[in-house]
Amino acid sequence: MGIRIKICGITREEDAAAAVASGAHALGFILYPKSPRYVSPERAAEILATVPPYVERVAVVVNPSAEEVRRIAGIAPFSQWQLHGAESPALMAEIREAGSHPYRFVKALHLPFEGGARGLAAYATAGAGAFLLDTPCVEHGGSGKTFDWNLVEGFRMENVSNVPIILSGGLTADNVGEAVTRVRPYAVDVSSGVESAPGIKDPIKIERFISRCLTASLPA
């Protein structure tokens, strides 16, 4: 299977449509009120009503309670939950067990990860289906800044459960080719790198980003 591509920070129907038309596999919706790309669960549900069922619908939340996740799940039909704060494996397990059906999780992490192999294994056991590696910022994403990709190799060695890696943080059409070639992630995640303004996507930037990403992922 080829590389997967997620366009995050969707706030408008037309941006969701542009991402899907260009070949995005997943759309992310920021449910963190302090983010400039915040959308309410109700607004996300309106946009999701226009999205084809084969596209992953990712709720990006920061330090949520199990009750909050249940509430959001009752409003909008998300297929994945991206935990983008300081959520512990115990909280992830609590959220998973509280659902009426098994939740699928992506856990955002920053490098170097201080929890080591044991910490990563705990997240895997708690239900992390992927680790999203992002640049730290107060807004929990959308910084527009890259991190040192050389750190990923050490992270891989500690990721003994082989949980798939999603690369994020400052990706654009200009650097995603190099990022994919060097890191070889399972997926990439972009937000500010395909925008004309915070929360406003540029369809030309989306198309260029996805095209260069797919080209770089082809076998040499």
N, C-alpha and C. Protein backbone atom coordinates (compact mmCIF):
# COMPACT_ATOMS: atom_id res chain seq x y z
N MET A 1 0.84 -1.19 0.00
CA MET A 1 0.00 0.00 0.00
C MET A 1 0.88 1.24 0.00
N GLY A 2 0.50 2.26 -0.80
CA GLY A 2 1.27 3.48 -0.89
C GLY A 2 1.09 4.36 0.32
N ILE A 3 1.80 5.48 0.31
CA ILE A 3 1.74 6.40 1.44
C ILE A 3 0.35 7.00 1.57
N ARG A 4 -0.05 7.25 2.80
CA ARG A 4 -1.34 7.85 3.10
C ARG A 4 -1.15 9.34 3.36
N ILE A 5 -2.16 10.14 3.02
CA ILE A 5 -2.05 11.59 3.14
C ILE A 5 -3.27 12.14 3.86
N LYS A 6 -3.01 12.92 4.91
CA LYS A 6 -4.09 13.56 5.67
C LYS A 6 -3.97 15.07 5.56
N ILE A 7 -5.07 15.70 5.21
CA ILE A 7 -5.16 17.16 5.21
C ILE A 7 -5.89 17.55 6.48
N CYS A 8 -5.20 18.28 7.35
CA CYS A 8 -5.76 18.59 8.66
C CYS A 8 -6.19 20.05 8.75
N GLY A 9 -7.02 20.34 9.74
CA GLY A 9 -7.49 21.70 9.95
C GLY A 9 -8.57 22.12 8.97
N ILE A 10 -9.42 21.17 8.57
CA ILE A 10 -10.52 21.47 7.65
C ILE A 10 -11.59 22.29 8.38
N THR A 11 -12.02 23.40 7.75
CA THR A 11 -13.07 24.24 8.34
C THR A 11 -14.20 24.54 7.38
N ARG A 12 -14.03 24.14 6.09
CA ARG A 12 -15.04 24.49 5.07
C ARG A 12 -15.30 23.30 4.15
N GLU A 13 -16.53 23.23 3.64
CA GLU A 13 -16.90 22.17 2.72
C GLU A 13 -16.03 22.19 1.47
N GLU A 14 -15.75 23.38 0.94
CA GLU A 14 -14.98 23.46 -0.30
C GLU A 14 -13.54 22.98 -0.10
N ASP A 15 -13.01 23.15 1.08
CA ASP A 15 -11.65 22.66 1.35
C ASP A 15 -11.64 21.13 1.46
N ALA A 16 -12.66 20.58 2.08
CA ALA A 16 -12.78 19.13 2.14
C ALA A 16 -12.89 18.55 0.74
N ALA A 17 -13.70 19.18 -0.10
CA ALA A 17 -13.90 18.70 -1.46
C ALA A 17 -12.60 18.78 -2.26
N ALA A 18 -11.84 19.86 -2.09
CA ALA A 18 -10.57 20.01 -2.81
C ALA A 18 -9.58 18.94 -2.39
N ALA A 19 -9.54 18.66 -1.10
CA ALA A 19 -8.61 17.64 -0.59
C ALA A 19 -8.96 16.26 -1.14
N VAL A 20 -10.24 15.93 -1.11
CA VAL A 20 -10.68 14.62 -1.61
C VAL A 20 -10.43 14.51 -3.11
N ALA A 21 -10.72 15.57 -3.85
CA ALA A 21 -10.53 15.55 -5.30
C ALA A 21 -9.06 15.36 -5.67
N SER A 22 -8.16 15.84 -4.83
CA SER A 22 -6.73 15.71 -5.11
C SER A 22 -6.15 14.39 -4.63
N GLY A 23 -6.95 13.60 -3.91
CA GLY A 23 -6.50 12.27 -3.51
C GLY A 23 -6.18 12.08 -2.05
N ALA A 24 -6.60 13.00 -1.19
CA ALA A 24 -6.34 12.83 0.24
C ALA A 24 -7.08 11.61 0.77
N HIS A 25 -6.42 10.88 1.67
CA HIS A 25 -7.03 9.69 2.26
C HIS A 25 -7.76 9.98 3.55
N ALA A 26 -7.42 11.12 4.18
CA ALA A 26 -8.01 11.45 5.48
C ALA A 26 -8.13 12.96 5.62
N LEU A 27 -9.14 13.37 6.38
CA LEU A 27 -9.36 14.78 6.70
C LEU A 27 -9.36 14.92 8.21
N GLY A 28 -8.70 15.97 8.71
CA GLY A 28 -8.64 16.21 10.14
C GLY A 28 -9.42 17.45 10.53
N PHE A 29 -10.13 17.36 11.66
CA PHE A 29 -10.94 18.46 12.18
C PHE A 29 -10.47 18.79 13.59
N ILE A 30 -10.07 20.04 13.80
CA ILE A 30 -9.51 20.45 15.08
C ILE A 30 -10.63 20.84 16.04
N LEU A 31 -10.80 20.05 17.08
CA LEU A 31 -11.85 20.30 18.07
C LEU A 31 -11.26 20.91 19.35
N TYR A 32 -10.18 21.63 19.18
CA TYR A 32 -9.49 22.30 20.30
C TYR A 32 -9.80 23.79 20.20
N PRO A 33 -10.59 24.35 21.11
CA PRO A 33 -11.08 25.72 20.96
C PRO A 33 -10.00 26.79 20.83
N LYS A 34 -8.79 26.54 21.33
CA LYS A 34 -7.74 27.55 21.26
C LYS A 34 -7.02 27.58 19.91
N SER A 35 -7.35 26.65 19.04
CA SER A 35 -6.71 26.61 17.72
C SER A 35 -7.39 27.57 16.76
N PRO A 36 -6.64 28.25 15.89
CA PRO A 36 -7.26 29.10 14.87
C PRO A 36 -8.02 28.29 13.83
N ARG A 37 -7.88 26.98 13.85
CA ARG A 37 -8.59 26.10 12.92
C ARG A 37 -9.72 25.34 13.61
N TYR A 38 -10.12 25.83 14.75
CA TYR A 38 -11.17 25.15 15.53
C TYR A 38 -12.49 25.11 14.78
N VAL A 39 -13.14 23.95 14.85
CA VAL A 39 -14.54 23.82 14.43
C VAL A 39 -15.28 23.09 15.55
N SER A 40 -16.52 23.43 15.73
CA SER A 40 -17.34 22.73 16.72
C SER A 40 -17.71 21.35 16.19
N PRO A 41 -18.06 20.42 17.05
CA PRO A 41 -18.52 19.12 16.56
C PRO A 41 -19.70 19.25 15.61
N GLU A 42 -20.59 20.20 15.89
CA GLU A 42 -21.76 20.39 15.03
C GLU A 42 -21.34 20.86 13.64
N ARG A 43 -20.38 21.78 13.58
CA ARG A 43 -19.90 22.26 12.28
C ARG A 43 -19.16 21.15 11.55
N ALA A 44 -18.38 20.38 12.28
CA ALA A 44 -17.68 19.25 11.66
C ALA A 44 -18.67 18.27 11.05
N ALA A 45 -19.77 18.03 11.74
CA ALA A 45 -20.79 17.11 11.24
C ALA A 45 -21.38 17.61 9.93
N GLU A 46 -21.58 18.92 9.82
CA GLU A 46 -22.10 19.49 8.57
C GLU A 46 -21.13 19.25 7.42
N ILE A 47 -19.85 19.46 7.67
CA ILE A 47 -18.85 19.25 6.61
C ILE A 47 -18.74 17.77 6.27
N LEU A 48 -18.75 16.92 7.29
CA LEU A 48 -18.61 15.48 7.07
C LEU A 48 -19.76 14.91 6.25
N ALA A 49 -20.90 15.56 6.29
CA ALA A 49 -22.05 15.09 5.50
C ALA A 49 -21.76 15.17 4.01
N THR A 50 -20.75 15.95 3.61
CA THR A 50 -20.40 16.10 2.20
C THR A 50 -19.20 15.24 1.80
N VAL A 51 -18.64 14.50 2.75
CA VAL A 51 -17.40 13.75 2.50
C VAL A 51 -17.72 12.30 2.16
N PRO A 52 -17.10 11.74 1.12
CA PRO A 52 -17.36 10.33 0.76
C PRO A 52 -17.01 9.39 1.91
N PRO A 53 -17.70 8.27 2.02
CA PRO A 53 -17.48 7.35 3.15
C PRO A 53 -16.12 6.68 3.17
N TYR A 54 -15.42 6.65 2.04
CA TYR A 54 -14.11 5.98 2.01
C TYR A 54 -12.99 6.86 2.56
N VAL A 55 -13.28 8.10 2.89
CA VAL A 55 -12.27 9.01 3.43
C VAL A 55 -12.29 8.94 4.95
N GLU A 56 -11.11 8.79 5.56
CA GLU A 56 -11.03 8.78 7.03
C GLU A 56 -11.40 10.15 7.58
N ARG A 57 -12.15 10.14 8.69
CA ARG A 57 -12.62 11.38 9.32
C ARG A 57 -12.01 11.44 10.71
N VAL A 58 -11.05 12.33 10.89
CA VAL A 58 -10.24 12.33 12.11
C VAL A 58 -10.59 13.50 13.01
N ALA A 59 -10.96 13.20 14.24
CA ALA A 59 -11.21 14.22 15.26
C ALA A 59 -9.91 14.47 16.01
N VAL A 60 -9.43 15.70 15.98
CA VAL A 60 -8.20 16.06 16.69
C VAL A 60 -8.60 16.73 18.01
N VAL A 61 -8.28 16.07 19.11
CA VAL A 61 -8.67 16.56 20.44
C VAL A 61 -7.44 16.67 21.33
N VAL A 62 -7.54 17.52 22.35
CA VAL A 62 -6.42 17.77 23.25
C VAL A 62 -6.85 17.50 24.69
N ASN A 63 -6.25 16.49 25.29
CA ASN A 63 -6.53 16.12 26.68
C ASN A 63 -8.03 16.00 26.98
N PRO A 64 -8.76 15.23 26.17
CA PRO A 64 -10.20 15.10 26.40
C PRO A 64 -10.50 14.11 27.52
N SER A 65 -11.66 14.23 28.09
CA SER A 65 -12.15 13.21 29.00
C SER A 65 -12.89 12.16 28.18
N ALA A 66 -13.10 11.01 28.78
CA ALA A 66 -13.86 9.96 28.10
C ALA A 66 -15.27 10.45 27.80
N GLU A 67 -15.84 11.22 28.71
CA GLU A 67 -17.19 11.74 28.51
C GLU A 67 -17.23 12.71 27.34
N GLU A 68 -16.20 13.55 27.19
CA GLU A 68 -16.17 14.49 26.07
C GLU A 68 -16.10 13.75 24.75
N VAL A 69 -15.29 12.70 24.68
CA VAL A 69 -15.20 11.93 23.45
C VAL A 69 -16.54 11.29 23.12
N ARG A 70 -17.21 10.74 24.12
CA ARG A 70 -18.53 10.15 23.89
C ARG A 70 -19.51 11.20 23.37
N ARG A 71 -19.45 12.40 23.94
CA ARG A 71 -20.36 13.47 23.52
C ARG A 71 -20.11 13.84 22.06
N ILE A 72 -18.85 14.02 21.70
CA ILE A 72 -18.52 14.38 20.32
C ILE A 72 -18.91 13.27 19.36
N ALA A 73 -18.66 12.03 19.75
CA ALA A 73 -19.00 10.89 18.90
C ALA A 73 -20.49 10.82 18.63
N GLY A 74 -21.29 11.32 19.55
CA GLY A 74 -22.73 11.33 19.35
C GLY A 74 -23.20 12.42 18.41
N ILE A 75 -22.31 13.35 18.07
CA ILE A 75 -22.67 14.48 17.21
C ILE A 75 -22.13 14.30 15.79
N ALA A 76 -20.88 13.89 15.68
CA ALA A 76 -20.22 13.81 14.38
C ALA A 76 -19.65 12.41 14.16
N PRO A 77 -19.78 11.87 12.94
CA PRO A 77 -19.36 10.49 12.66
C PRO A 77 -17.87 10.36 12.36
N PHE A 78 -17.04 10.57 13.36
CA PHE A 78 -15.60 10.43 13.15
C PHE A 78 -15.20 8.96 13.13
N SER A 79 -14.19 8.65 12.32
CA SER A 79 -13.70 7.26 12.23
C SER A 79 -12.40 7.07 13.01
N GLN A 80 -11.71 8.16 13.35
CA GLN A 80 -10.48 8.08 14.13
C GLN A 80 -10.42 9.26 15.10
N TRP A 81 -9.64 9.05 16.17
CA TRP A 81 -9.44 10.09 17.18
C TRP A 81 -7.94 10.32 17.33
N GLN A 82 -7.53 11.56 17.06
CA GLN A 82 -6.12 11.93 17.21
C GLN A 82 -5.96 12.66 18.54
N LEU A 83 -5.24 12.04 19.46
CA LEU A 83 -5.01 12.62 20.78
C LEU A 83 -3.74 13.46 20.70
N HIS A 84 -3.91 14.79 20.77
CA HIS A 84 -2.81 15.69 20.46
C HIS A 84 -2.29 16.45 21.68
N GLY A 85 -2.59 15.96 22.87
CA GLY A 85 -2.11 16.61 24.08
C GLY A 85 -1.15 15.72 24.85
N ALA A 86 -1.29 15.76 26.17
CA ALA A 86 -0.42 14.96 27.05
C ALA A 86 -1.14 13.73 27.56
N GLU A 87 -2.02 13.17 26.75
CA GLU A 87 -2.81 12.02 27.17
C GLU A 87 -1.91 10.82 27.50
N SER A 88 -2.20 10.19 28.61
CA SER A 88 -1.45 9.01 29.04
C SER A 88 -2.04 7.75 28.41
N PRO A 89 -1.28 6.66 28.40
CA PRO A 89 -1.85 5.39 27.95
C PRO A 89 -3.08 5.01 28.77
N ALA A 90 -3.08 5.33 30.06
CA ALA A 90 -4.23 5.00 30.91
C ALA A 90 -5.48 5.74 30.46
N LEU A 91 -5.33 7.03 30.10
CA LEU A 91 -6.49 7.78 29.63
C LEU A 91 -6.97 7.24 28.30
N MET A 92 -6.04 6.88 27.42
CA MET A 92 -6.43 6.30 26.14
C MET A 92 -7.24 5.03 26.35
N ALA A 93 -6.78 4.19 27.26
CA ALA A 93 -7.50 2.94 27.54
C ALA A 93 -8.86 3.23 28.14
N GLU A 94 -8.94 4.25 28.99
CA GLU A 94 -10.22 4.62 29.60
C GLU A 94 -11.21 5.08 28.53
N ILE A 95 -10.74 5.90 27.61
CA ILE A 95 -11.61 6.38 26.53
C ILE A 95 -12.06 5.22 25.66
N ARG A 96 -11.14 4.33 25.34
CA ARG A 96 -11.48 3.18 24.50
C ARG A 96 -12.54 2.31 25.15
N GLU A 97 -12.40 2.07 26.43
CA GLU A 97 -13.34 1.20 27.14
C GLU A 97 -14.69 1.86 27.37
N ALA A 98 -14.71 3.20 27.34
CA ALA A 98 -15.96 3.91 27.61
C ALA A 98 -16.86 4.00 26.39
N GLY A 99 -16.32 3.71 25.21
CA GLY A 99 -17.10 3.85 23.99
C GLY A 99 -18.08 2.71 23.78
N SER A 100 -19.12 3.01 23.01
CA SER A 100 -20.09 1.97 22.67
C SER A 100 -19.54 1.04 21.60
N HIS A 101 -18.49 1.48 20.92
CA HIS A 101 -17.77 0.64 19.95
C HIS A 101 -16.30 1.03 20.05
N PRO A 102 -15.38 0.17 19.61
CA PRO A 102 -13.95 0.45 19.78
C PRO A 102 -13.52 1.71 19.02
N TYR A 103 -12.93 2.65 19.73
CA TYR A 103 -12.39 3.84 19.09
C TYR A 103 -11.03 3.52 18.47
N ARG A 104 -10.73 4.16 17.35
CA ARG A 104 -9.42 4.03 16.70
C ARG A 104 -8.62 5.30 17.01
N PHE A 105 -7.39 5.12 17.49
CA PHE A 105 -6.59 6.24 17.98
C PHE A 105 -5.32 6.47 17.17
N VAL A 106 -4.98 7.76 17.05
CA VAL A 106 -3.65 8.20 16.64
C VAL A 106 -3.12 9.02 17.81
N LYS A 107 -1.91 8.72 18.27
CA LYS A 107 -1.33 9.49 19.38
C LYS A 107 -0.22 10.39 18.85
N ALA A 108 -0.38 11.69 19.05
CA ALA A 108 0.65 12.65 18.66
C ALA A 108 1.76 12.68 19.71
N LEU A 109 3.00 12.68 19.23
CA LEU A 109 4.17 12.70 20.10
C LEU A 109 5.19 13.69 19.55
N HIS A 110 6.08 14.14 20.43
CA HIS A 110 7.18 15.01 20.03
C HIS A 110 8.50 14.30 20.30
N LEU A 111 9.49 14.58 19.46
CA LEU A 111 10.80 13.94 19.60
C LEU A 111 11.82 14.93 20.15
N PRO A 112 12.76 14.44 20.97
CA PRO A 112 12.88 13.05 21.42
C PRO A 112 11.79 12.68 22.42
N PHE A 113 11.27 11.45 22.29
CA PHE A 113 10.22 10.96 23.18
C PHE A 113 10.86 10.43 24.45
N GLU A 114 10.46 10.99 25.58
CA GLU A 114 11.12 10.66 26.84
C GLU A 114 10.64 9.34 27.46
N GLY A 115 9.54 8.80 26.96
CA GLY A 115 9.01 7.59 27.56
C GLY A 115 9.73 6.32 27.17
N GLY A 116 10.56 6.39 26.13
CA GLY A 116 11.32 5.22 25.72
C GLY A 116 10.46 4.11 25.16
N ALA A 117 11.09 2.96 24.95
CA ALA A 117 10.40 1.81 24.36
C ALA A 117 9.22 1.37 25.22
N ARG A 118 9.38 1.42 26.52
CA ARG A 118 8.30 0.98 27.41
C ARG A 118 7.08 1.89 27.27
N GLY A 119 7.32 3.19 27.17
CA GLY A 119 6.21 4.13 27.02
C GLY A 119 5.47 3.93 25.71
N LEU A 120 6.21 3.70 24.64
CA LEU A 120 5.58 3.46 23.34
C LEU A 120 4.77 2.17 23.36
N ALA A 121 5.31 1.14 23.99
CA ALA A 121 4.60 -0.13 24.08
C ALA A 121 3.31 0.04 24.87
N ALA A 122 3.34 0.89 25.90
CA ALA A 122 2.13 1.13 26.69
C ALA A 122 1.05 1.80 25.85
N TYR A 123 1.45 2.75 25.00
CA TYR A 123 0.47 3.38 24.11
C TYR A 123 -0.08 2.36 23.11
N ALA A 124 0.78 1.50 22.59
CA ALA A 124 0.33 0.49 21.64
C ALA A 124 -0.68 -0.44 22.30
N THR A 125 -0.41 -0.86 23.52
CA THR A 125 -1.32 -1.73 24.25
C THR A 125 -2.65 -1.04 24.53
N ALA A 126 -2.59 0.28 24.77
CA ALA A 126 -3.80 1.04 25.09
C ALA A 126 -4.66 1.30 23.86
N GLY A 127 -4.11 1.05 22.66
CA GLY A 127 -4.94 1.19 21.47
C GLY A 127 -4.43 2.14 20.41
N ALA A 128 -3.20 2.65 20.53
CA ALA A 128 -2.67 3.54 19.51
C ALA A 128 -2.45 2.78 18.21
N GLY A 129 -3.15 3.21 17.16
CA GLY A 129 -2.99 2.57 15.86
C GLY A 129 -1.92 3.22 15.02
N ALA A 130 -1.47 4.41 15.44
CA ALA A 130 -0.40 5.12 14.75
C ALA A 130 0.16 6.17 15.70
N PHE A 131 1.43 6.52 15.47
CA PHE A 131 2.06 7.63 16.19
C PHE A 131 2.29 8.76 15.20
N LEU A 132 1.76 9.94 15.52
CA LEU A 132 1.97 11.12 14.70
C LEU A 132 3.08 11.94 15.33
N LEU A 133 4.15 12.14 14.58
CA LEU A 133 5.31 12.88 15.07
C LEU A 133 5.22 14.31 14.60
N ASP A 134 5.11 15.25 15.55
CA ASP A 134 4.85 16.65 15.22
C ASP A 134 5.84 17.55 15.94
N THR A 135 5.88 18.80 15.51
CA THR A 135 6.70 19.82 16.15
C THR A 135 5.95 20.41 17.34
N PRO A 136 6.58 20.51 18.50
CA PRO A 136 5.87 21.08 19.66
C PRO A 136 5.46 22.53 19.42
N CYS A 137 4.25 22.90 19.85
CA CYS A 137 3.82 24.29 19.81
C CYS A 137 2.64 24.46 20.76
N VAL A 138 2.42 25.69 21.20
CA VAL A 138 1.38 25.94 22.21
C VAL A 138 -0.02 25.68 21.67
N GLU A 139 -0.18 25.76 20.34
CA GLU A 139 -1.49 25.54 19.75
C GLU A 139 -1.74 24.06 19.45
N HIS A 140 -0.80 23.20 19.82
CA HIS A 140 -0.94 21.75 19.60
C HIS A 140 -1.17 21.44 18.12
N GLY A 141 -0.23 21.87 17.29
CA GLY A 141 -0.31 21.60 15.86
C GLY A 141 -0.43 22.87 15.05
N GLY A 142 -0.10 22.76 13.75
CA GLY A 142 -0.23 23.90 12.86
C GLY A 142 0.86 24.93 13.03
N SER A 143 2.03 24.53 13.54
CA SER A 143 3.11 25.49 13.80
C SER A 143 3.77 25.97 12.52
N GLY A 144 3.73 25.15 11.47
CA GLY A 144 4.43 25.50 10.25
C GLY A 144 5.92 25.28 10.33
N LYS A 145 6.39 24.62 11.39
CA LYS A 145 7.82 24.39 11.59
C LYS A 145 8.12 22.89 11.58
N THR A 146 9.24 22.55 10.97
CA THR A 146 9.67 21.15 10.96
C THR A 146 10.47 20.85 12.24
N PHE A 147 10.69 19.55 12.48
CA PHE A 147 11.60 19.14 13.55
C PHE A 147 12.73 18.34 12.90
N ASP A 148 13.68 17.93 13.70
CA ASP A 148 14.84 17.21 13.18
C ASP A 148 14.44 15.79 12.78
N TRP A 149 14.34 15.55 11.49
CA TRP A 149 13.90 14.23 11.01
C TRP A 149 14.91 13.14 11.35
N ASN A 150 16.14 13.50 11.66
CA ASN A 150 17.13 12.49 12.03
C ASN A 150 16.74 11.76 13.31
N LEU A 151 15.88 12.38 14.11
CA LEU A 151 15.45 11.76 15.36
C LEU A 151 14.51 10.58 15.14
N VAL A 152 13.94 10.49 13.95
CA VAL A 152 12.94 9.44 13.70
C VAL A 152 13.57 8.06 13.75
N GLU A 153 14.81 7.94 13.31
CA GLU A 153 15.44 6.61 13.28
C GLU A 153 15.56 6.03 14.69
N GLY A 154 15.96 6.87 15.64
CA GLY A 154 16.03 6.41 17.02
C GLY A 154 14.67 6.05 17.57
N PHE A 155 13.67 6.83 17.17
CA PHE A 155 12.29 6.54 17.59
C PHE A 155 11.86 5.18 17.06
N ARG A 156 12.20 4.90 15.81
CA ARG A 156 11.83 3.61 15.21
C ARG A 156 12.42 2.44 16.00
N MET A 157 13.63 2.60 16.46
CA MET A 157 14.28 1.52 17.20
C MET A 157 13.56 1.25 18.52
N GLU A 158 12.98 2.30 19.12
CA GLU A 158 12.25 2.12 20.37
C GLU A 158 10.81 1.67 20.14
N ASN A 159 10.32 1.85 18.92
CA ASN A 159 8.94 1.50 18.58
C ASN A 159 8.86 0.01 18.27
N VAL A 160 9.08 -0.81 19.28
CA VAL A 160 9.20 -2.26 19.08
C VAL A 160 7.89 -2.90 18.65
N SER A 161 6.78 -2.22 18.87
CA SER A 161 5.48 -2.76 18.45
C SER A 161 5.21 -2.45 16.98
N ASN A 162 6.13 -1.71 16.35
CA ASN A 162 5.99 -1.35 14.93
C ASN A 162 4.69 -0.63 14.63
N VAL A 163 4.29 0.24 15.53
CA VAL A 163 3.12 1.08 15.29
C VAL A 163 3.45 2.02 14.14
N PRO A 164 2.58 2.15 13.13
CA PRO A 164 2.87 3.01 11.98
C PRO A 164 3.16 4.45 12.39
N ILE A 165 4.05 5.10 11.62
CA ILE A 165 4.46 6.47 11.90
C ILE A 165 3.85 7.42 10.88
N ILE A 166 3.25 8.49 11.39
CA ILE A 166 2.73 9.58 10.57
C ILE A 166 3.64 10.78 10.78
N LEU A 167 4.17 11.34 9.70
CA LEU A 167 5.07 12.49 9.81
C LEU A 167 4.29 13.78 9.63
N SER A 168 4.49 14.71 10.55
CA SER A 168 3.82 16.00 10.50
C SER A 168 4.82 17.08 10.89
N GLY A 169 4.36 18.32 10.91
CA GLY A 169 5.20 19.42 11.36
C GLY A 169 5.91 20.15 10.24
N GLY A 170 5.34 21.26 9.78
CA GLY A 170 6.01 22.11 8.81
C GLY A 170 6.15 21.56 7.41
N LEU A 171 5.37 20.57 7.06
CA LEU A 171 5.47 20.01 5.71
C LEU A 171 4.80 20.92 4.69
N THR A 172 5.43 21.04 3.53
CA THR A 172 4.91 21.81 2.41
C THR A 172 5.22 21.05 1.13
N ALA A 173 4.72 21.57 0.01
CA ALA A 173 5.05 20.95 -1.27
C ALA A 173 6.54 21.01 -1.55
N ASP A 174 7.22 21.99 -0.97
CA ASP A 174 8.65 22.16 -1.23
C ASP A 174 9.53 21.18 -0.46
N ASN A 175 9.05 20.66 0.66
CA ASN A 175 9.91 19.75 1.44
C ASN A 175 9.34 18.36 1.64
N VAL A 176 8.10 18.11 1.21
CA VAL A 176 7.50 16.81 1.49
C VAL A 176 8.20 15.69 0.72
N GLY A 177 8.71 15.99 -0.46
CA GLY A 177 9.43 14.97 -1.21
C GLY A 177 10.65 14.48 -0.46
N GLU A 178 11.44 15.42 0.06
CA GLU A 178 12.61 15.05 0.85
C GLU A 178 12.21 14.32 2.12
N ALA A 179 11.14 14.80 2.76
CA ALA A 179 10.68 14.17 4.00
C ALA A 179 10.29 12.71 3.78
N VAL A 180 9.55 12.46 2.73
CA VAL A 180 9.10 11.10 2.45
C VAL A 180 10.28 10.21 2.09
N THR A 181 11.21 10.73 1.30
CA THR A 181 12.38 9.96 0.90
C THR A 181 13.26 9.60 2.09
N ARG A 182 13.44 10.55 3.00
CA ARG A 182 14.32 10.32 4.14
C ARG A 182 13.68 9.50 5.25
N VAL A 183 12.43 9.80 5.56
CA VAL A 183 11.78 9.19 6.73
C VAL A 183 11.02 7.93 6.37
N ARG A 184 10.45 7.88 5.17
CA ARG A 184 9.62 6.76 4.73
C ARG A 184 8.50 6.46 5.74
N PRO A 185 7.67 7.46 6.01
CA PRO A 185 6.58 7.25 6.97
C PRO A 185 5.43 6.47 6.36
N TYR A 186 4.57 5.96 7.21
CA TYR A 186 3.34 5.32 6.75
C TYR A 186 2.42 6.37 6.13
N ALA A 187 2.42 7.58 6.70
CA ALA A 187 1.54 8.64 6.23
C ALA A 187 2.16 9.99 6.54
N VAL A 188 1.65 11.03 5.89
CA VAL A 188 2.04 12.40 6.20
C VAL A 188 0.79 13.19 6.54
N ASP A 189 1.00 14.25 7.33
CA ASP A 189 -0.11 15.08 7.80
C ASP A 189 0.29 16.54 7.56
N VAL A 190 -0.59 17.30 6.92
CA VAL A 190 -0.29 18.70 6.63
C VAL A 190 -1.48 19.57 6.96
N SER A 191 -1.19 20.77 7.45
CA SER A 191 -2.25 21.75 7.72
C SER A 191 -1.85 23.11 7.17
N SER A 192 -0.97 23.82 7.88
CA SER A 192 -0.59 25.17 7.45
C SER A 192 0.12 25.17 6.10
N GLY A 193 0.77 24.07 5.75
CA GLY A 193 1.52 24.01 4.51
C GLY A 193 0.69 24.03 3.25
N VAL A 194 -0.63 23.90 3.38
CA VAL A 194 -1.51 23.96 2.20
C VAL A 194 -2.58 25.04 2.39
N GLU A 195 -2.23 26.09 3.12
CA GLU A 195 -3.20 27.14 3.42
C GLU A 195 -2.80 28.48 2.80
N SER A 196 -3.82 29.32 2.57
CA SER A 196 -3.61 30.72 2.21
C SER A 196 -3.74 31.60 3.45
N ALA A 197 -4.43 31.08 4.48
CA ALA A 197 -4.60 31.73 5.78
C ALA A 197 -4.99 30.63 6.75
N PRO A 198 -4.82 30.84 8.07
CA PRO A 198 -5.18 29.79 9.02
C PRO A 198 -6.62 29.31 8.85
N GLY A 199 -6.77 28.01 8.56
CA GLY A 199 -8.09 27.43 8.38
C GLY A 199 -8.65 27.56 6.98
N ILE A 200 -7.95 28.24 6.10
CA ILE A 200 -8.41 28.42 4.71
C ILE A 200 -7.43 27.70 3.80
N LYS A 201 -7.87 26.59 3.22
CA LYS A 201 -6.97 25.80 2.37
C LYS A 201 -6.90 26.37 0.96
N ASP A 202 -5.78 26.13 0.32
CA ASP A 202 -5.53 26.55 -1.06
C ASP A 202 -5.55 25.30 -1.93
N PRO A 203 -6.52 25.16 -2.82
CA PRO A 203 -6.62 23.92 -3.61
C PRO A 203 -5.39 23.65 -4.47
N ILE A 204 -4.73 24.70 -4.94
CA ILE A 204 -3.52 24.49 -5.75
C ILE A 204 -2.40 23.94 -4.88
N LYS A 205 -2.26 24.47 -3.67
CA LYS A 205 -1.24 23.97 -2.75
C LYS A 205 -1.53 22.52 -2.35
N ILE A 206 -2.80 22.20 -2.15
CA ILE A 206 -3.17 20.83 -1.81
C ILE A 206 -2.77 19.87 -2.93
N GLU A 207 -3.14 20.23 -4.15
CA GLU A 207 -2.86 19.37 -5.29
C GLU A 207 -1.35 19.18 -5.47
N ARG A 208 -0.59 20.26 -5.34
CA ARG A 208 0.86 20.17 -5.51
C ARG A 208 1.49 19.32 -4.40
N PHE A 209 1.02 19.51 -3.18
CA PHE A 209 1.55 18.75 -2.05
C PHE A 209 1.32 17.26 -2.25
N ILE A 210 0.10 16.89 -2.58
CA ILE A 210 -0.22 15.47 -2.74
C ILE A 210 0.54 14.86 -3.91
N SER A 211 0.64 15.59 -5.01
CA SER A 211 1.36 15.09 -6.18
C SER A 211 2.82 14.81 -5.85
N ARG A 212 3.47 15.74 -5.17
CA ARG A 212 4.89 15.56 -4.85
C ARG A 212 5.09 14.47 -3.81
N CYS A 213 4.15 14.35 -2.91
CA CYS A 213 4.22 13.29 -1.90
C CYS A 213 4.13 11.92 -2.55
N LEU A 214 3.17 11.76 -3.43
CA LEU A 214 2.98 10.47 -4.10
C LEU A 214 4.17 10.12 -4.98
N THR A 215 4.71 11.11 -5.67
CA THR A 215 5.87 10.87 -6.52
C THR A 215 7.07 10.40 -5.70
N ALA A 216 7.29 11.04 -4.56
CA ALA A 216 8.42 10.68 -3.71
C ALA A 216 8.27 9.29 -3.10
N SER A 217 7.04 8.83 -2.96
CA SER A 217 6.80 7.54 -2.32
C SER A 217 6.95 6.36 -3.26
N LEU A 218 7.09 6.64 -4.56
CA LEU A 218 7.24 5.55 -5.53
C LEU A 218 8.56 4.82 -5.32
N PRO A 219 8.60 3.53 -5.60
CA PRO A 219 9.86 2.78 -5.48
C PRO A 219 10.94 3.37 -6.36
N ALA A 220 12.16 3.38 -5.87
CA ALA A 220 13.29 3.95 -6.63
C ALA A 220 13.58 3.11 -7.86
